[in-house]
PDB file of N, CA and C in Angstrom:
ATOM      1  N   MET A   1       1.003  -1.321   0.150  1.00  0.00           N
ATOM      2  CA  MET A   1      -0.076  -0.073  -0.272  1.00  0.00           C
ATOM      3  C   MET A   1       0.968   1.281  -0.048  1.00  0.00           C
ATOM      4  N   THR A   2       0.704   2.090  -1.038  1.00  0.00           N
ATOM      5  CA  THR A   2       1.712   3.481  -1.029  1.00  0.00           C
ATOM      6  C   THR A   2       0.493   4.603  -0.300  1.00  0.00           C
ATOM      7  N   ALA A   3       1.703   5.521   0.353  1.00  0.00           N
ATOM      8  CA  ALA A   3       0.859   6.234   0.967  1.00  0.00           C
ATOM      9  C   ALA A   3       0.943   7.504  -0.013  1.00  0.00           C
ATOM     10  N   LEU A   4      -0.169   8.402   0.347  1.00  0.00           N
ATOM     11  CA  LEU A   4      -0.735   9.658  -0.661  1.00  0.00           C
ATOM     12  C   LEU A   4       0.274  10.629  -0.321  1.00  0.00           C
ATOM     13  N   PRO A   5       0.393  11.449  -1.505  1.00  0.00           N
ATOM     14  CA  PRO A   5       1.609  12.418  -1.265  1.00  0.00           C
ATOM     15  C   PRO A   5       1.077  13.718  -0.389  1.00  0.00           C
ATOM     16  N   PRO A   6       1.632  14.409   0.152  1.00  0.00           N
ATOM     17  CA  PRO A   6       0.753  15.202   1.125  1.00  0.00           C
ATOM     18  C   PRO A   6       0.111  16.510   0.047  1.00  0.00           C
ATOM     19  N   SER A   7      -0.761  17.079   0.401  1.00  0.00           N
ATOM     20  CA  SER A   7      -1.259  18.241  -0.151  1.00  0.00           C
ATOM     21  C   SER A   7      -0.530  19.190  -0.549  1.00  0.00           C
ATOM     22  N   PRO A   8      -0.907  19.923  -1.697  1.00  0.00           N
ATOM     23  CA  PRO A   8      -0.137  21.191  -2.108  1.00  0.00           C
ATOM     24  C   PRO A   8      -0.104  22.409  -1.034  1.00  0.00           C
ATOM     25  N   PHE A   9      -1.174  22.066   0.012  1.00  0.00           N
ATOM     26  CA  PHE A   9      -1.477  23.047   1.093  1.00  0.00           C
ATOM     27  C   PHE A   9      -0.818  22.755   2.141  1.00  0.00           C
ATOM     28  N   SER A  10      -0.186  21.686   2.219  1.00  0.00           N
ATOM     29  CA  SER A  10       0.380  21.571   3.545  1.00  0.00           C
ATOM     30  C   SER A  10       1.870  21.038   3.462  1.00  0.00           C
ATOM     31  N   ALA A  11       2.199  21.046   4.760  1.00  0.00           N
ATOM     32  CA  ALA A  11       3.798  21.092   4.642  1.00  0.00           C
ATOM     33  C   ALA A  11       3.925  19.738   5.839  1.00  0.00           C
ATOM     34  N   ASN A  12       4.385  18.758   5.261  1.00  0.00           N
ATOM     35  CA  ASN A  12       4.791  17.458   6.323  1.00  0.00           C
ATOM     36  C   ASN A  12       3.288  16.747   6.458  1.00  0.00           C
ATOM     37  N   GLY A  13       2.404  17.071   5.507  1.00  0.00           N
ATOM     38  CA  GLY A  13       1.019  16.635   5.807  1.00  0.00           C
ATOM     39  C   GLY A  13       0.212  17.118   6.637  1.00  0.00           C
ATOM     40  N   ARG A  14       0.592  18.810   7.049  1.00  0.00           N
ATOM     41  CA  ARG A  14      -0.189  19.692   7.949  1.00  0.00           C
ATOM     42  C   ARG A  14      -0.665  20.806   7.581  1.00  0.00           C
ATOM     43  N   THR A  15      -1.555  21.099   7.452  1.00  0.00           N
ATOM     44  CA  THR A  15      -1.838  22.659   7.091  1.00  0.00           C
ATOM     45  C   THR A  15      -1.405  23.526   7.986  1.00  0.00           C
ATOM     46  N   ALA A  16      -0.646  24.717   7.464  1.00  0.00           N
ATOM     47  CA  ALA A  16       0.262  25.550   8.140  1.00  0.00           C
ATOM     48  C   ALA A  16      -0.072  27.070   7.295  1.00  0.00           C
ATOM     49  N   PHE A  17       0.215  27.899   8.045  1.00  0.00           N
ATOM     50  CA  PHE A  17      -0.155  29.261   7.631  1.00  0.00           C
ATOM     51  C   PHE A  17       1.265  29.828   6.715  1.00  0.00           C
ATOM     52  N   HIS A  18       1.422  30.526   5.480  1.00  0.00           N
ATOM     53  CA  HIS A  18       2.329  30.906   5.227  1.00  0.00           C
ATOM     54  C   HIS A  18       2.838  32.339   5.610  1.00  0.00           C
ATOM     55  N   ARG A  19       4.084  32.332   5.200  1.00  0.00           N
ATOM     56  CA  ARG A  19       4.567  33.927   5.753  1.00  0.00           C
ATOM     57  C   ARG A  19       4.009  35.018   5.103  1.00  0.00           C
ATOM     58  N   THR A  20       3.174  34.871   3.997  1.00  0.00           N
ATOM     59  CA  THR A  20       2.512  35.934   3.391  1.00  0.00           C
ATOM     60  C   THR A  20       1.095  36.224   4.383  1.00  0.00           C
ATOM     61  N   GLU A  21       0.677  34.822   4.815  1.00  0.00           N
ATOM     62  CA  GLU A  21      -0.474  35.131   5.417  1.00  0.00           C
ATOM     63  C   GLU A  21      -0.235  35.459   6.709  1.00  0.00           C
ATOM     64  N   LEU A  22       0.861  35.388   7.527  1.00  0.00           N
ATOM     65  CA  LEU A  22       1.333  35.479   9.190  1.00  0.00           C
ATOM     66  C   LEU A  22       1.529  36.947   8.892  1.00  0.00           C
ATOM     67  N   GLY A  23       2.112  37.436   8.123  1.00  0.00           N
ATOM     68  CA  GLY A  23       2.228  38.894   7.948  1.00  0.00           C
ATOM     69  C   GLY A  23       1.335  39.784   8.196  1.00  0.00           C
ATOM     70  N   PRO A  24       0.048  39.599   7.850  1.00  0.00           N
ATOM     71  CA  PRO A  24      -1.156  40.634   8.219  1.00  0.00           C
ATOM     72  C   PRO A  24      -1.704  40.158   9.831  1.00  0.00           C
ATOM     73  N   ILE A  25      -1.694  38.624   9.828  1.00  0.00           N
ATOM     74  CA  ILE A  25      -2.287  38.441  11.057  1.00  0.00           C
ATOM     75  C   ILE A  25      -1.481  38.749  12.045  1.00  0.00           C
ATOM     76  N   LEU A  26      -0.363  39.095  11.972  1.00  0.00           N
ATOM     77  CA  LEU A  26       0.755  39.277  13.302  1.00  0.00           C
ATOM     78  C   LEU A  26       0.575  40.947  13.193  1.00  0.00           C
ATOM     79  N   GLY A  27       0.509  41.860  12.073  1.00  0.00           N
ATOM     80  CA  GLY A  27       0.271  42.968  11.871  1.00  0.00           C
ATOM     81  C   GLY A  27      -0.824  43.264  12.909  1.00  0.00           C
ATOM     82  N   LEU A  28      -2.065  42.594  12.714  1.00  0.00           N
ATOM     83  CA  LEU A  28      -3.238  43.298  13.294  1.00  0.00           C
ATOM     84  C   LEU A  28      -3.056  42.930  15.176  1.00  0.00           C
ATOM     85  N   TYR A  29      -2.403  41.426  15.087  1.00  0.00           N
ATOM     86  CA  TYR A  29      -1.854  41.354  16.222  1.00  0.00           C
ATOM     87  C   TYR A  29      -1.164  42.339  17.080  1.00  0.00           C
ATOM     88  N   GLY A  30       0.029  42.720  16.620  1.00  0.00           N
ATOM     89  CA  GLY A  30       0.240  43.998  17.254  1.00  0.00           C
ATOM     90  C   GLY A  30      -0.274  45.104  17.189  1.00  0.00           C
ATOM     91  N   ARG A  31      -1.070  45.297  16.653  1.00  0.00           N
ATOM     92  CA  ARG A  31      -2.045  46.976  16.952  1.00  0.00           C
ATOM     93  C   ARG A  31      -2.864  46.252  18.093  1.00  0.00           C
ATOM     94  N   MET A  32      -3.664  45.314  18.211  1.00  0.00           N
ATOM     95  CA  MET A  32      -3.998  44.963  19.203  1.00  0.00           C
ATOM     96  C   MET A  32      -3.383  44.854  20.637  1.00  0.00           C
ATOM     97  N   VAL A  33      -2.578  44.267  20.357  1.00  0.00           N
ATOM     98  CA  VAL A  33      -1.562  44.356  22.060  1.00  0.00           C
ATOM     99  C   VAL A  33      -1.334  45.672  22.087  1.00  0.00           C
ATOM    100  N   ALA A  34      -0.907  46.680  21.059  1.00  0.00           N
ATOM    101  CA  ALA A  34      -0.838  48.007  21.703  1.00  0.00           C
ATOM    102  C   ALA A  34      -2.123  48.719  22.137  1.00  0.00           C
ATOM    103  N   ALA A  35      -3.184  48.113  21.789  1.00  0.00           N
ATOM    104  CA  ALA A  35      -4.430  48.633  22.269  1.00  0.00           C
ATOM    105  C   ALA A  35      -4.678  48.113  23.919  1.00  0.00           C
ATOM    106  N   GLY A  36      -3.848  47.153  23.827  1.00  0.00           N
ATOM    107  CA  GLY A  36      -4.328  46.404  25.183  1.00  0.00           C
ATOM    108  C   GLY A  36      -5.461  45.342  25.506  1.00  0.00           C
ATOM    109  N   GLU A  37      -5.652  45.041  24.019  1.00  0.00           N
ATOM    110  CA  GLU A  37      -7.136  44.235  23.883  1.00  0.00           C
ATOM    111  C   GLU A  37      -6.341  42.346  23.793  1.00  0.00           C
ATOM    112  N   TRP A  38      -5.317  42.371  23.349  1.00  0.00           N
ATOM    113  CA  TRP A  38      -4.866  40.827  23.478  1.00  0.00           C
ATOM    114  C   TRP A  38      -3.442  41.056  23.973  1.00  0.00           C
ATOM    115  N   ARG A  39      -3.177  39.963  24.730  1.00  0.00           N
ATOM    116  CA  ARG A  39      -1.761  39.414  25.095  1.00  0.00           C
ATOM    117  C   ARG A  39      -0.977  38.592  24.870  1.00  0.00           C
ATOM    118  N   ASP A  40      -1.584  37.538  24.243  1.00  0.00           N
ATOM    119  CA  ASP A  40      -1.000  36.145  23.775  1.00  0.00           C
ATOM    120  C   ASP A  40      -1.605  35.759  22.342  1.00  0.00           C
ATOM    121  N   TYR A  41      -0.876  34.694  21.951  1.00  0.00           N
ATOM    122  CA  TYR A  41      -1.592  33.936  21.101  1.00  0.00           C
ATOM    123  C   TYR A  41      -0.698  32.677  20.659  1.00  0.00           C
ATOM    124  N   GLY A  42      -1.156  31.525  20.009  1.00  0.00           N
ATOM    125  CA  GLY A  42      -0.700  30.605  19.562  1.00  0.00           C
ATOM    126  C   GLY A  42      -1.410  29.645  18.378  1.00  0.00           C
ATOM    127  N   ILE A  43      -0.490  28.969  17.888  1.00  0.00           N
ATOM    128  CA  ILE A  43      -0.338  28.602  16.438  1.00  0.00           C
ATOM    129  C   ILE A  43      -0.705  27.220  16.529  1.00  0.00           C
ATOM    130  N   SER A  44      -1.627  26.595  16.153  1.00  0.00           N
ATOM    131  CA  SER A  44      -1.785  25.016  15.873  1.00  0.00           C
ATOM    132  C   SER A  44      -1.669  24.754  14.566  1.00  0.00           C
ATOM    133  N   CYS A  45      -0.976  23.743  13.935  1.00  0.00           N
ATOM    134  CA  CYS A  45      -0.673  23.255  12.699  1.00  0.00           C
ATOM    135  C   CYS A  45      -1.324  22.029  12.564  1.00  0.00           C
ATOM    136  N   LEU A  46      -2.719  21.817  12.322  1.00  0.00           N
ATOM    137  CA  LEU A  46      -2.999  20.123  12.323  1.00  0.00           C
ATOM    138  C   LEU A  46      -3.187  19.801  10.841  1.00  0.00           C
ATOM    139  N   ARG A  47      -3.771  18.495  10.928  1.00  0.00           N
ATOM    140  CA  ARG A  47      -3.827  17.706   9.375  1.00  0.00           C
ATOM    141  C   ARG A  47      -4.621  18.728   8.521  1.00  0.00           C
ATOM    142  N   ASP A  48      -5.848  18.987   8.772  1.00  0.00           N
ATOM    143  CA  ASP A  48      -6.912  19.842   7.894  1.00  0.00           C
ATOM    144  C   ASP A  48      -6.858  21.234   8.251  1.00  0.00           C
ATOM    145  N   VAL A  49      -6.434  21.842   9.211  1.00  0.00           N
ATOM    146  CA  VAL A  49      -6.802  23.282   9.585  1.00  0.00           C
ATOM    147  C   VAL A  49      -5.041  23.450  10.613  1.00  0.00           C
ATOM    148  N   ALA A  50      -4.964  24.970  10.084  1.00  0.00           N
ATOM    149  CA  ALA A  50      -4.145  25.753  10.576  1.00  0.00           C
ATOM    150  C   ALA A  50      -5.111  26.942  11.474  1.00  0.00           C
ATOM    151  N   ILE A  51      -4.905  27.032  13.073  1.00  0.00           N
ATOM    152  CA  ILE A  51      -5.429  27.821  13.710  1.00  0.00           C
ATOM    153  C   ILE A  51      -4.309  28.931  14.268  1.00  0.00           C
ATOM    154  N   PHE A  52      -4.432  30.257  14.266  1.00  0.00           N
ATOM    155  CA  PHE A  52      -4.047  31.183  14.986  1.00  0.00           C
ATOM    156  C   PHE A  52      -5.223  31.709  16.284  1.00  0.00           C
ATOM    157  N   SER A  53      -4.666  31.399  17.489  1.00  0.00           N
ATOM    158  CA  SER A  53      -5.870  31.711  18.456  1.00  0.00           C
ATOM    159  C   SER A  53      -5.045  32.937  19.259  1.00  0.00           C
ATOM    160  N   VAL A  54      -6.029  33.978  19.748  1.00  0.00           N
ATOM    161  CA  VAL A  54      -5.515  34.763  20.428  1.00  0.00           C
ATOM    162  C   VAL A  54      -6.197  35.028  21.587  1.00  0.00           C
ATOM    163  N   PHE A  55      -5.742  35.576  22.980  1.00  0.00           N
ATOM    164  CA  PHE A  55      -5.838  35.624  24.059  1.00  0.00           C
ATOM    165  C   PHE A  55      -6.028  36.801  24.888  1.00  0.00           C
ATOM    166  N   ARG A  56      -6.735  37.044  25.644  1.00  0.00           N
ATOM    167  CA  ARG A  56      -6.401  38.173  26.679  1.00  0.00           C
ATOM    168  C   ARG A  56      -5.809  37.959  27.830  1.00  0.00           C
ATOM    169  N   ARG A  57      -6.029  36.695  28.217  1.00  0.00           N
ATOM    170  CA  ARG A  57      -5.125  36.195  29.375  1.00  0.00           C
ATOM    171  C   ARG A  57      -4.753  34.588  28.910  1.00  0.00           C
ATOM    172  N   THR A  58      -3.414  34.422  29.137  1.00  0.00           N
ATOM    173  CA  THR A  58      -2.753  33.207  28.833  1.00  0.00           C
ATOM    174  C   THR A  58      -3.682  31.981  29.139  1.00  0.00           C
ATOM    175  N   ALA A  59      -4.093  31.805  30.206  1.00  0.00           N
ATOM    176  CA  ALA A  59      -4.916  30.725  30.972  1.00  0.00           C
ATOM    177  C   ALA A  59      -6.268  30.557  30.478  1.00  0.00           C
ATOM    178  N   GLU A  60      -6.739  31.301  29.566  1.00  0.00           N
ATOM    179  CA  GLU A  60      -8.318  31.535  29.026  1.00  0.00           C
ATOM    180  C   GLU A  60      -8.065  30.433  28.017  1.00  0.00           C
ATOM    181  N   HIS A  61      -9.626  30.733  27.720  1.00  0.00           N
ATOM    182  CA  HIS A  61      -9.928  29.841  26.315  1.00  0.00           C
ATOM    183  C   HIS A  61      -9.680  31.340  24.984  1.00  0.00           C
ATOM    184  N   PRO A  62      -9.324  31.069  24.201  1.00  0.00           N
ATOM    185  CA  PRO A  62      -9.208  32.167  23.123  1.00  0.00           C
ATOM    186  C   PRO A  62     -10.509  32.776  22.906  1.00  0.00           C
ATOM    187  N   LEU A  63     -10.087  34.258  22.868  1.00  0.00           N
ATOM    188  CA  LEU A  63     -10.865  35.186  22.330  1.00  0.00           C
ATOM    189  C   LEU A  63     -11.431  34.738  20.795  1.00  0.00           C
ATOM    190  N   TYR A  64     -10.615  34.728  20.147  1.00  0.00           N
ATOM    191  CA  TYR A  64     -10.940  34.718  18.459  1.00  0.00           C
ATOM    192  C   TYR A  64      -9.829  33.636  18.101  1.00  0.00           C
ATOM    193  N   ARG A  65     -10.255  32.856  16.842  1.00  0.00           N
ATOM    194  CA  ARG A  65      -9.557  31.853  16.320  1.00  0.00           C
ATOM    195  C   ARG A  65      -9.787  32.246  14.797  1.00  0.00           C
ATOM    196  N   ILE A  66      -8.467  32.621  14.428  1.00  0.00           N
ATOM    197  CA  ILE A  66      -8.191  32.561  12.939  1.00  0.00           C
ATOM    198  C   ILE A  66      -8.019  31.397  12.149  1.00  0.00           C
ATOM    199  N   GLU A  67      -8.643  30.389  11.446  1.00  0.00           N
ATOM    200  CA  GLU A  67      -8.583  29.634  10.737  1.00  0.00           C
ATOM    201  C   GLU A  67      -8.526  29.236   9.350  1.00  0.00           C
ATOM    202  N   LYS A  68      -7.720  28.641   9.056  1.00  0.00           N
ATOM    203  CA  LYS A  68      -7.130  28.243   7.573  1.00  0.00           C
ATOM    204  C   LYS A  68      -7.776  26.868   7.335  1.00  0.00           C
ATOM    205  N   ARG A  69      -8.502  26.531   6.201  1.00  0.00           N
ATOM    206  CA  ARG A  69      -9.009  25.480   5.960  1.00  0.00           C
ATOM    207  C   ARG A  69      -9.085  25.166   4.346  1.00  0.00           C
ATOM    208  N   PRO A  70      -7.932  24.900   3.747  1.00  0.00           N
ATOM    209  CA  PRO A  70      -7.681  24.539   2.298  1.00  0.00           C
ATOM    210  C   PRO A  70      -8.818  23.825   1.655  1.00  0.00           C
ATOM    211  N   LYS A  71      -9.487  23.074   2.107  1.00  0.00           N
ATOM    212  CA  LYS A  71     -10.640  22.172   1.507  1.00  0.00           C
ATOM    213  C   LYS A  71     -11.876  22.922   1.477  1.00  0.00           C
ATOM    214  N   LEU A  72     -11.892  24.041   2.204  1.00  0.00           N
ATOM    215  CA  LEU A  72     -13.358  24.711   2.069  1.00  0.00           C
ATOM    216  C   LEU A  72     -12.989  26.285   0.829  1.00  0.00           C
ATOM    217  N   ARG A  73     -11.965  26.312   0.551  1.00  0.00           N
ATOM    218  CA  ARG A  73     -11.637  27.502  -0.607  1.00  0.00           C
ATOM    219  C   ARG A  73     -12.216  27.275  -1.758  1.00  0.00           C
ATOM    220  N   LEU A  74     -12.862  26.337  -2.277  1.00  0.00           N
ATOM    221  CA  LEU A  74     -13.785  26.425  -3.262  1.00  0.00           C
ATOM    222  C   LEU A  74     -15.211  26.470  -2.797  1.00  0.00           C
ATOM    223  N   LYS A  75     -15.455  26.465  -1.461  1.00  0.00           N
ATOM    224  CA  LYS A  75     -17.225  26.157  -1.052  1.00  0.00           C
ATOM    225  C   LYS A  75     -17.122  27.724  -0.269  1.00  0.00           C
ATOM    226  N   GLN A  76     -16.878  27.742   0.961  1.00  0.00           N
ATOM    227  CA  GLN A  76     -17.134  28.906   1.928  1.00  0.00           C
ATOM    228  C   GLN A  76     -16.181  29.506   2.043  1.00  0.00           C
ATOM    229  N   GLY A  77     -14.986  29.413   1.502  1.00  0.00           N
ATOM    230  CA  GLY A  77     -13.872  30.338   1.580  1.00  0.00           C
ATOM    231  C   GLY A  77     -12.958  29.540   2.904  1.00  0.00           C
ATOM    232  N   GLN A  78     -11.442  29.556   2.233  1.00  0.00           N
ATOM    233  CA  GLN A  78     -10.660  29.057   3.527  1.00  0.00           C
ATOM    234  C   GLN A  78     -10.350  29.953   4.928  1.00  0.00           C
ATOM    235  N   TYR A  79     -10.314  31.175   4.816  1.00  0.00           N
ATOM    236  CA  TYR A  79     -10.413  31.568   5.824  1.00  0.00           C
ATOM    237  C   TYR A  79     -11.416  31.851   6.805  1.00  0.00           C
ATOM    238  N   ALA A  80     -11.665  31.667   8.212  1.00  0.00           N
ATOM    239  CA  ALA A  80     -12.792  32.144   9.096  1.00  0.00           C
ATOM    240  C   ALA A  80     -12.249  32.603  10.403  1.00  0.00           C
ATOM    241  N   ILE A  81     -13.043  33.732  11.065  1.00  0.00           N
ATOM    242  CA  ILE A  81     -12.480  34.090  11.971  1.00  0.00           C
ATOM    243  C   ILE A  81     -13.982  33.452  13.029  1.00  0.00           C
ATOM    244  N   ILE A  82     -13.507  32.752  14.089  1.00  0.00           N
ATOM    245  CA  ILE A  82     -14.453  32.257  15.056  1.00  0.00           C
ATOM    246  C   ILE A  82     -14.299  32.933  16.274  1.00  0.00           C
ATOM    247  N   ALA A  83     -15.193  33.327  16.897  1.00  0.00           N
ATOM    248  CA  ALA A  83     -15.390  33.984  18.465  1.00  0.00           C
ATOM    249  C   ALA A  83     -15.431  33.217  19.529  1.00  0.00           C
ATOM    250  N   MET A  84     -15.008  33.613  20.761  1.00  0.00           N
ATOM    251  CA  MET A  84     -15.249  32.413  21.918  1.00  0.00           C
ATOM    252  C   MET A  84     -16.361  31.203  22.035  1.00  0.00           C
ATOM    253  N   ASP A  85     -17.292  31.971  21.574  1.00  0.00           N
ATOM    254  CA  ASP A  85     -18.437  31.060  21.724  1.00  0.00           C
ATOM    255  C   ASP A  85     -18.877  30.639  20.965  1.00  0.00           C
ATOM    256  N   GLY A  86     -17.747  30.182  19.410  1.00  0.00           N
ATOM    257  CA  GLY A  86     -18.289  29.239  18.590  1.00  0.00           C
ATOM    258  C   GLY A  86     -18.937  29.718  17.131  1.00  0.00           C
ATOM    259  N   GLN A  87     -19.347  30.952  17.466  1.00  0.00           N
ATOM    260  CA  GLN A  87     -19.746  32.012  15.971  1.00  0.00           C
ATOM    261  C   GLN A  87     -18.840  32.247  15.265  1.00  0.00           C
ATOM    262  N   ILE A  88     -18.985  32.071  14.004  1.00  0.00           N
ATOM    263  CA  ILE A  88     -18.158  32.208  12.970  1.00  0.00           C
ATOM    264  C   ILE A  88     -18.769  33.848  12.185  1.00  0.00           C
ATOM    265  N   LEU A  89     -17.552  34.896  12.722  1.00  0.00           N
ATOM    266  CA  LEU A  89     -17.837  36.265  12.543  1.00  0.00           C
ATOM    267  C   LEU A  89     -17.775  36.221  11.127  1.00  0.00           C
ATOM    268  N   LYS A  90     -16.500  35.587  10.330  1.00  0.00           N
ATOM    269  CA  LYS A  90     -16.612  36.055   9.109  1.00  0.00           C
ATOM    270  C   LYS A  90     -15.643  34.936   8.268  1.00  0.00           C
ATOM    271  N   ARG A  91     -16.061  34.645   6.807  1.00  0.00           N
ATOM    272  CA  ARG A  91     -15.405  33.734   6.127  1.00  0.00           C
ATOM    273  C   ARG A  91     -15.264  34.144   4.653  1.00  0.00           C
ATOM    274  N   GLY A  92     -14.244  33.626   4.199  1.00  0.00           N
ATOM    275  CA  GLY A  92     -13.688  34.094   2.691  1.00  0.00           C
ATOM    276  C   GLY A  92     -12.427  33.586   2.450  1.00  0.00           C
ATOM    277  N   ASN A  93     -12.135  33.829   1.304  1.00  0.00           N
ATOM    278  CA  ASN A  93     -10.771  33.423   0.715  1.00  0.00           C
ATOM    279  C   ASN A  93      -9.855  34.686   0.681  1.00  0.00           C
ATOM    280  N   ASP A  94     -10.419  35.588   0.763  1.00  0.00           N
ATOM    281  CA  ASP A  94      -9.502  36.829   0.801  1.00  0.00           C
ATOM    282  C   ASP A  94      -9.395  37.267   2.602  1.00  0.00           C
ATOM    283  N   LEU A  95      -8.242  36.869   3.023  1.00  0.00           N
ATOM    284  CA  LEU A  95      -7.457  36.842   4.162  1.00  0.00           C
ATOM    285  C   LEU A  95      -7.412  38.414   4.408  1.00  0.00           C
ATOM    286  N   GLY A  96      -7.123  39.345   3.908  1.00  0.00           N
ATOM    287  CA  GLY A  96      -7.199  40.583   4.176  1.00  0.00           C
ATOM    288  C   GLY A  96      -8.749  41.194   4.680  1.00  0.00           C
ATOM    289  N   GLN A  97      -9.692  41.099   4.003  1.00  0.00           N
ATOM    290  CA  GLN A  97     -11.000  40.908   4.151  1.00  0.00           C
ATOM    291  C   GLN A  97     -11.631  40.284   5.226  1.00  0.00           C
ATOM    292  N   VAL A  98     -11.521  39.087   5.658  1.00  0.00           N
ATOM    293  CA  VAL A  98     -11.747  38.357   7.044  1.00  0.00           C
ATOM    294  C   VAL A  98     -11.269  38.954   8.139  1.00  0.00           C
ATOM    295  N   LEU A  99      -9.920  39.380   7.766  1.00  0.00           N
ATOM    296  CA  LEU A  99      -9.447  39.975   9.500  1.00  0.00           C
ATOM    297  C   LEU A  99      -9.933  41.561   9.559  1.00  0.00           C
ATOM    298  N   ARG A 100     -10.560  42.528   8.725  1.00  0.00           N
ATOM    299  CA  ARG A 100     -11.409  43.815   8.806  1.00  0.00           C
ATOM    300  C   ARG A 100     -12.407  43.322   9.969  1.00  0.00           C
ATOM    301  N   VAL A 101     -12.834  42.371  10.012  1.00  0.00           N
ATOM    302  CA  VAL A 101     -13.867  42.015  11.099  1.00  0.00           C
ATOM    303  C   VAL A 101     -13.432  42.466  12.582  1.00  0.00           C
ATOM    304  N   LEU A 102     -12.240  41.864  12.545  1.00  0.00           N
ATOM    305  CA  LEU A 102     -11.408  42.388  14.036  1.00  0.00           C
ATOM    306  C   LEU A 102     -10.888  43.609  13.925  1.00  0.00           C
ATOM    307  N   GLU A 103     -10.422  44.105  12.880  1.00  0.00           N
ATOM    308  CA  GLU A 103      -9.754  45.661  12.892  1.00  0.00           C
ATOM    309  C   GLU A 103     -10.921  46.696  13.252  1.00  0.00           C
ATOM    310  N   ARG A 104     -12.154  46.239  13.110  1.00  0.00           N
ATOM    311  CA  ARG A 104     -13.257  47.066  13.437  1.00  0.00           C
ATOM    312  C   ARG A 104     -13.276  47.520  15.157  1.00  0.00           C
ATOM    313  N   LYS A 105     -12.771  46.396  15.707  1.00  0.00           N
ATOM    314  CA  LYS A 105     -12.970  46.592  17.223  1.00  0.00           C
ATOM    315  C   LYS A 105     -11.597  47.504  17.709  1.00  0.00           C
ATOM    316  N   LEU A 106     -10.926  47.930  16.737  1.00  0.00           N
ATOM    317  CA  LEU A 106      -9.861  48.723  17.143  1.00  0.00           C
ATOM    318  C   LEU A 106     -10.351  50.118  17.072  1.00  0.00           C
ATOM    319  N   ILE A 107     -11.064  50.343  16.257  1.00  0.00           N
ATOM    320  CA  ILE A 107     -11.594  51.752  16.120  1.00  0.00           C
ATOM    321  C   ILE A 107     -12.681  51.982  17.297  1.00  0.00           C
ATOM    322  N   ARG A 108     -12.742  53.168  18.081  1.00  0.00           N
ATOM    323  CA  ARG A 108     -13.140  53.483  19.031  1.00  0.00           C
ATOM    324  C   ARG A 108     -13.864  55.143  19.182  1.00  0.00           C
ATOM    325  N   ALA A 109     -14.593  55.269  19.717  1.00  0.00           N
ATOM    326  CA  ALA A 109     -15.178  56.419  19.418  1.00  0.00           C
ATOM    327  C   ALA A 109     -14.339  57.373  20.319  1.00  0.00           C
ATOM    328  N   VAL A 110     -14.025  58.644  20.066  1.00  0.00           N
ATOM    329  CA  VAL A 110     -13.080  59.578  20.914  1.00  0.00           C
ATOM    330  C   VAL A 110     -14.019  60.568  21.665  1.00  0.00           C
ATOM    331  N   ASP A 111     -13.931  60.719  23.043  1.00  0.00           N
ATOM    332  CA  ASP A 111     -15.110  61.135  23.645  1.00  0.00           C
ATOM    333  C   ASP A 111     -14.375  62.681  24.051  1.00  0.00           C
TER     334      ASP A 111
END
């Protein structure tokens, strides 16, 4: 029995974020840290999904998960923002568009 070759969207059989995808994600993360909203992050590279989780405190559940699921790229879009309660806030194939949901939380009214 022969093993299937790894997917062209994964490294070593695992899905991962590419450097061009991590740039915008880490840029947003840096702005949110500077605003005092986020404090920690974690990256998980699994077989079918790569997850960038952001935390307010290290010991908590993640506030948001930015997920990449390449198998959904032709259906719902490979990127998704998922809130702590499991609600999908935005889904699509353009990472910049998907991340705008979280960037809106940075904009505050000035008193």
